[in-house]
Amino acid sequence: MLLTRSACYGLIAAKHLAEHAGEGSFSAHDLAECYGLPHEALAKVLQRLSTAGVFMSHHGIKGGYTLARDPRYISVFDVIKASEGPRRSGIHGERWRHLESVPGYHQLLMVHQAVADMLRELTIEDCYNLCS
């Protein structure tokens, strides 16, 4: 599992929203300015996270985004997956079946699964606590 730029943007936004829970919503512009991120790219990621039910989108003058649920119940895996949008099949998809005969493929698949499992257990709250 590669950590894409979109996934990094999503994790930054999720950590920010967890740190500032109760302070209202934050727009894509607010977050982009705060972290020096490209507004359009971040806005797309925030929309994906909202569509996936990780963030809530609030419309209007004071609109923006908040976490859809307590950061204890949002996994890092959820944020990464939603941030990337429509997924490619990865190394275990139908398109890659011919790689099963390549030496090391099954070991790589096991590592991929172990990393995914660890990211499912790690929450946004854990990230906030680690970095505070």
C-alpha atoms as a PDB file:
ATOM      1  CA  MET A   1       0.000   0.000   0.000  1.00  0.00           C
ATOM      2  CA  LEU A   2       1.498   3.270  -1.096  1.00  0.00           C
ATOM      3  CA  LEU A   3       0.720   6.453   0.760  1.00  0.00           C
ATOM      4  CA  THR A   4      -0.401   8.787  -2.012  1.00  0.00           C
ATOM      5  CA  ARG A   5      -0.480  12.554  -1.894  1.00  0.00           C
ATOM      6  CA  SER A   6      -4.276  12.411  -1.666  1.00  0.00           C
ATOM      7  CA  ALA A   7      -4.055  10.061   1.321  1.00  0.00           C
ATOM      8  CA  CYS A   8      -1.613  12.427   3.044  1.00  0.00           C
ATOM      9  CA  TYR A   9      -3.976  15.359   2.462  1.00  0.00           C
ATOM     10  CA  GLY A  10      -6.849  13.348   3.901  1.00  0.00           C
ATOM     11  CA  LEU A  11      -4.861  12.367   6.983  1.00  0.00           C
ATOM     12  CA  ILE A  12      -3.743  15.961   7.552  1.00  0.00           C
ATOM     13  CA  ALA A  13      -7.346  17.168   7.311  1.00  0.00           C
ATOM     14  CA  ALA A  14      -8.662  14.409   9.594  1.00  0.00           C
ATOM     15  CA  LYS A  15      -6.016  15.137  12.225  1.00  0.00           C
ATOM     16  CA  HIS A  16      -6.818  18.858  12.058  1.00  0.00           C
ATOM     17  CA  LEU A  17     -10.552  18.249  12.443  1.00  0.00           C
ATOM     18  CA  ALA A  18      -9.890  15.937  15.401  1.00  0.00           C
ATOM     19  CA  GLU A  19      -7.626  18.527  17.062  1.00  0.00           C
ATOM     20  CA  HIS A  20     -10.209  21.272  16.591  1.00  0.00           C
ATOM     21  CA  ALA A  21     -13.419  19.326  17.235  1.00  0.00           C
ATOM     22  CA  GLY A  22     -16.038  21.592  18.738  1.00  0.00           C
ATOM     23  CA  GLU A  23     -14.679  24.716  17.026  1.00  0.00           C
ATOM     24  CA  GLY A  24     -17.060  24.484  14.092  1.00  0.00           C
ATOM     25  CA  SER A  25     -16.404  23.443  10.533  1.00  0.00           C
ATOM     26  CA  PHE A  26     -13.358  24.159   8.388  1.00  0.00           C
ATOM     27  CA  SER A  27     -13.507  24.917   4.687  1.00  0.00           C
ATOM     28  CA  ALA A  28     -11.169  23.512   2.077  1.00  0.00           C
ATOM     29  CA  HIS A  29      -9.742  27.016   1.768  1.00  0.00           C
ATOM     30  CA  ASP A  30      -9.077  27.240   5.541  1.00  0.00           C
ATOM     31  CA  LEU A  31      -7.284  23.899   5.595  1.00  0.00           C
ATOM     32  CA  ALA A  32      -5.325  24.571   2.405  1.00  0.00           C
ATOM     33  CA  GLU A  33      -4.110  27.918   3.764  1.00  0.00           C
ATOM     34  CA  CYS A  34      -3.259  26.472   7.172  1.00  0.00           C
ATOM     35  CA  TYR A  35      -1.038  23.691   5.746  1.00  0.00           C
ATOM     36  CA  GLY A  36       0.109  25.205   2.451  1.00  0.00           C
ATOM     37  CA  LEU A  37      -1.726  22.610   0.380  1.00  0.00           C
ATOM     38  CA  PRO A  38      -3.148  23.088  -3.117  1.00  0.00           C
ATOM     39  CA  HIS A  39      -6.774  24.135  -2.668  1.00  0.00           C
ATOM     40  CA  GLU A  40      -8.288  22.232  -5.609  1.00  0.00           C
ATOM     41  CA  ALA A  41      -6.567  18.948  -4.770  1.00  0.00           C
ATOM     42  CA  LEU A  42      -7.528  19.222  -1.111  1.00  0.00           C
ATOM     43  CA  ALA A  43     -11.132  20.120  -1.994  1.00  0.00           C
ATOM     44  CA  LYS A  44     -11.435  16.915  -4.058  1.00  0.00           C
ATOM     45  CA  VAL A  45     -10.088  14.829  -1.190  1.00  0.00           C
ATOM     46  CA  LEU A  46     -12.462  16.473   1.285  1.00  0.00           C
ATOM     47  CA  GLN A  47     -15.404  15.759  -1.027  1.00  0.00           C
ATOM     48  CA  ARG A  48     -14.356  12.101  -1.260  1.00  0.00           C
ATOM     49  CA  LEU A  49     -14.104  11.852   2.519  1.00  0.00           C
ATOM     50  CA  SER A  50     -17.547  13.400   2.850  1.00  0.00           C
ATOM     51  CA  THR A  51     -19.056  11.057   0.256  1.00  0.00           C
ATOM     52  CA  ALA A  52     -17.516   8.087   2.097  1.00  0.00           C
ATOM     53  CA  GLY A  53     -19.093   9.222   5.373  1.00  0.00           C
ATOM     54  CA  VAL A  54     -15.796   9.998   7.114  1.00  0.00           C
ATOM     55  CA  PHE A  55     -16.428  13.773   7.103  1.00  0.00           C
ATOM     56  CA  MET A  56     -19.650  15.743   7.211  1.00  0.00           C
ATOM     57  CA  SER A  57     -20.093  18.594   4.790  1.00  0.00           C
ATOM     58  CA  HIS A  58     -21.847  21.733   6.051  1.00  0.00           C
ATOM     59  CA  HIS A  59     -23.183  24.249   3.544  1.00  0.00           C
ATOM     60  CA  GLY A  60     -23.674  27.965   3.909  1.00  0.00           C
ATOM     61  CA  ILE A  61     -21.607  30.958   4.965  1.00  0.00           C
ATOM     62  CA  LYS A  62     -19.981  29.152   7.872  1.00  0.00           C
ATOM     63  CA  GLY A  63     -19.881  25.877   5.972  1.00  0.00           C
ATOM     64  CA  GLY A  64     -17.045  23.442   5.744  1.00  0.00           C
ATOM     65  CA  TYR A  65     -16.162  20.024   7.071  1.00  0.00           C
ATOM     66  CA  THR A  66     -16.227  18.246  10.418  1.00  0.00           C
ATOM     67  CA  LEU A  67     -15.596  14.637  11.357  1.00  0.00           C
ATOM     68  CA  ALA A  68     -18.676  12.496  10.833  1.00  0.00           C
ATOM     69  CA  ARG A  69     -17.989  10.529  14.022  1.00  0.00           C
ATOM     70  CA  ASP A  70     -15.723  10.418  17.019  1.00  0.00           C
ATOM     71  CA  PRO A  71     -12.023  10.136  15.987  1.00  0.00           C
ATOM     72  CA  ARG A  72     -11.809   6.956  18.110  1.00  0.00           C
ATOM     73  CA  TYR A  73     -14.003   5.278  15.512  1.00  0.00           C
ATOM     74  CA  ILE A  74     -12.325   6.504  12.331  1.00  0.00           C
ATOM     75  CA  SER A  75      -9.430   4.342  11.230  1.00  0.00           C
ATOM     76  CA  VAL A  76      -6.421   5.589   9.329  1.00  0.00           C
ATOM     77  CA  PHE A  77      -7.273   2.934   6.754  1.00  0.00           C
ATOM     78  CA  ASP A  78     -10.755   4.477   6.279  1.00  0.00           C
ATOM     79  CA  VAL A  79      -9.228   7.898   5.642  1.00  0.00           C
ATOM     80  CA  ILE A  80      -6.592   6.570   3.234  1.00  0.00           C
ATOM     81  CA  LYS A  81      -9.091   4.486   1.291  1.00  0.00           C
ATOM     82  CA  ALA A  82     -11.660   7.296   1.007  1.00  0.00           C
ATOM     83  CA  SER A  83      -9.033   9.939   0.141  1.00  0.00           C
ATOM     84  CA  GLU A  84      -7.788   8.023  -2.858  1.00  0.00           C
ATOM     85  CA  GLY A  85     -11.181   7.805  -4.495  1.00  0.00           C
ATOM     86  CA  PRO A  86     -11.967   4.950  -6.879  1.00  0.00           C
ATOM     87  CA  ARG A  87      -9.414   2.294  -6.148  1.00  0.00           C
ATOM     88  CA  ARG A  88      -7.161   0.538  -8.506  1.00  0.00           C
ATOM     89  CA  SER A  89      -7.200  -3.197  -8.037  1.00  0.00           C
ATOM     90  CA  GLY A  90      -3.802  -3.254  -6.305  1.00  0.00           C
ATOM     91  CA  ILE A  91      -1.501  -6.245  -6.321  1.00  0.00           C
ATOM     92  CA  HIS A  92      -4.277  -8.713  -5.579  1.00  0.00           C
ATOM     93  CA  GLY A  93      -6.776  -7.688  -8.241  1.00  0.00           C
ATOM     94  CA  GLU A  94      -7.848  -9.674 -11.275  1.00  0.00           C
ATOM     95  CA  ARG A  95      -5.538  -7.637 -13.486  1.00  0.00           C
ATOM     96  CA  TRP A  96      -2.478  -8.867 -11.581  1.00  0.00           C
ATOM     97  CA  ARG A  97      -3.206 -12.634 -11.467  1.00  0.00           C
ATOM     98  CA  HIS A  98      -0.223 -13.327 -13.743  1.00  0.00           C
ATOM     99  CA  LEU A  99       2.089 -12.092 -10.946  1.00  0.00           C
ATOM    100  CA  GLU A 100       1.150 -14.977  -8.646  1.00  0.00           C
ATOM    101  CA  SER A 101       3.967 -17.042 -10.163  1.00  0.00           C
ATOM    102  CA  VAL A 102       6.587 -14.327  -9.539  1.00  0.00           C
ATOM    103  CA  PRO A 103       8.907 -15.234  -6.640  1.00  0.00           C
ATOM    104  CA  GLY A 104       8.022 -13.242  -3.535  1.00  0.00           C
ATOM    105  CA  TYR A 105       4.482 -12.371  -4.663  1.00  0.00           C
ATOM    106  CA  HIS A 106       2.754 -14.214  -1.844  1.00  0.00           C
ATOM    107  CA  GLN A 107       5.106 -12.758   0.757  1.00  0.00           C
ATOM    108  CA  LEU A 108       4.449  -9.264  -0.590  1.00  0.00           C
ATOM    109  CA  LEU A 109       0.725  -9.949  -0.436  1.00  0.00           C
ATOM    110  CA  MET A 110       1.101 -11.007   3.222  1.00  0.00           C
ATOM    111  CA  VAL A 111       2.993  -7.790   4.022  1.00  0.00           C
ATOM    112  CA  HIS A 112       0.320  -5.753   2.246  1.00  0.00           C
ATOM    113  CA  GLN A 113      -2.390  -7.442   4.317  1.00  0.00           C
ATOM    114  CA  ALA A 114      -0.464  -6.950   7.588  1.00  0.00           C
ATOM    115  CA  VAL A 115      -0.026  -3.222   6.882  1.00  0.00           C
ATOM    116  CA  ALA A 116      -3.706  -2.844   5.960  1.00  0.00           C
ATOM    117  CA  ASP A 117      -4.730  -4.631   9.167  1.00  0.00           C
ATOM    118  CA  MET A 118      -2.516  -2.358  11.275  1.00  0.00           C
ATOM    119  CA  LEU A 119      -3.953   0.753   9.602  1.00  0.00           C
ATOM    120  CA  ARG A 120      -7.478  -0.512  10.318  1.00  0.00           C
ATOM    121  CA  GLU A 121      -6.588  -0.669  14.029  1.00  0.00           C
ATOM    122  CA  LEU A 122      -4.899   2.760  14.137  1.00  0.00           C
ATOM    123  CA  THR A 123      -7.425   5.552  14.637  1.00  0.00           C
ATOM    124  CA  ILE A 124      -7.382   9.268  13.963  1.00  0.00           C
ATOM    125  CA  GLU A 125      -7.469   9.763  17.735  1.00  0.00           C
ATOM    126  CA  ASP A 126      -4.294   7.665  18.024  1.00  0.00           C
ATOM    127  CA  CYS A 127      -2.598   9.905  15.443  1.00  0.00           C
ATOM    128  CA  TYR A 128      -3.715  13.035  17.262  1.00  0.00           C
ATOM    129  CA  ASN A 129      -2.382  11.684  20.575  1.00  0.00           C
ATOM    130  CA  LEU A 130       0.929  10.592  19.016  1.00  0.00           C
ATOM    131  CA  CYS A 131       1.586  14.003  17.498  1.00  0.00           C
ATOM    132  CA  SER A 132       0.445  16.201  20.408  1.00  0.00           C
END
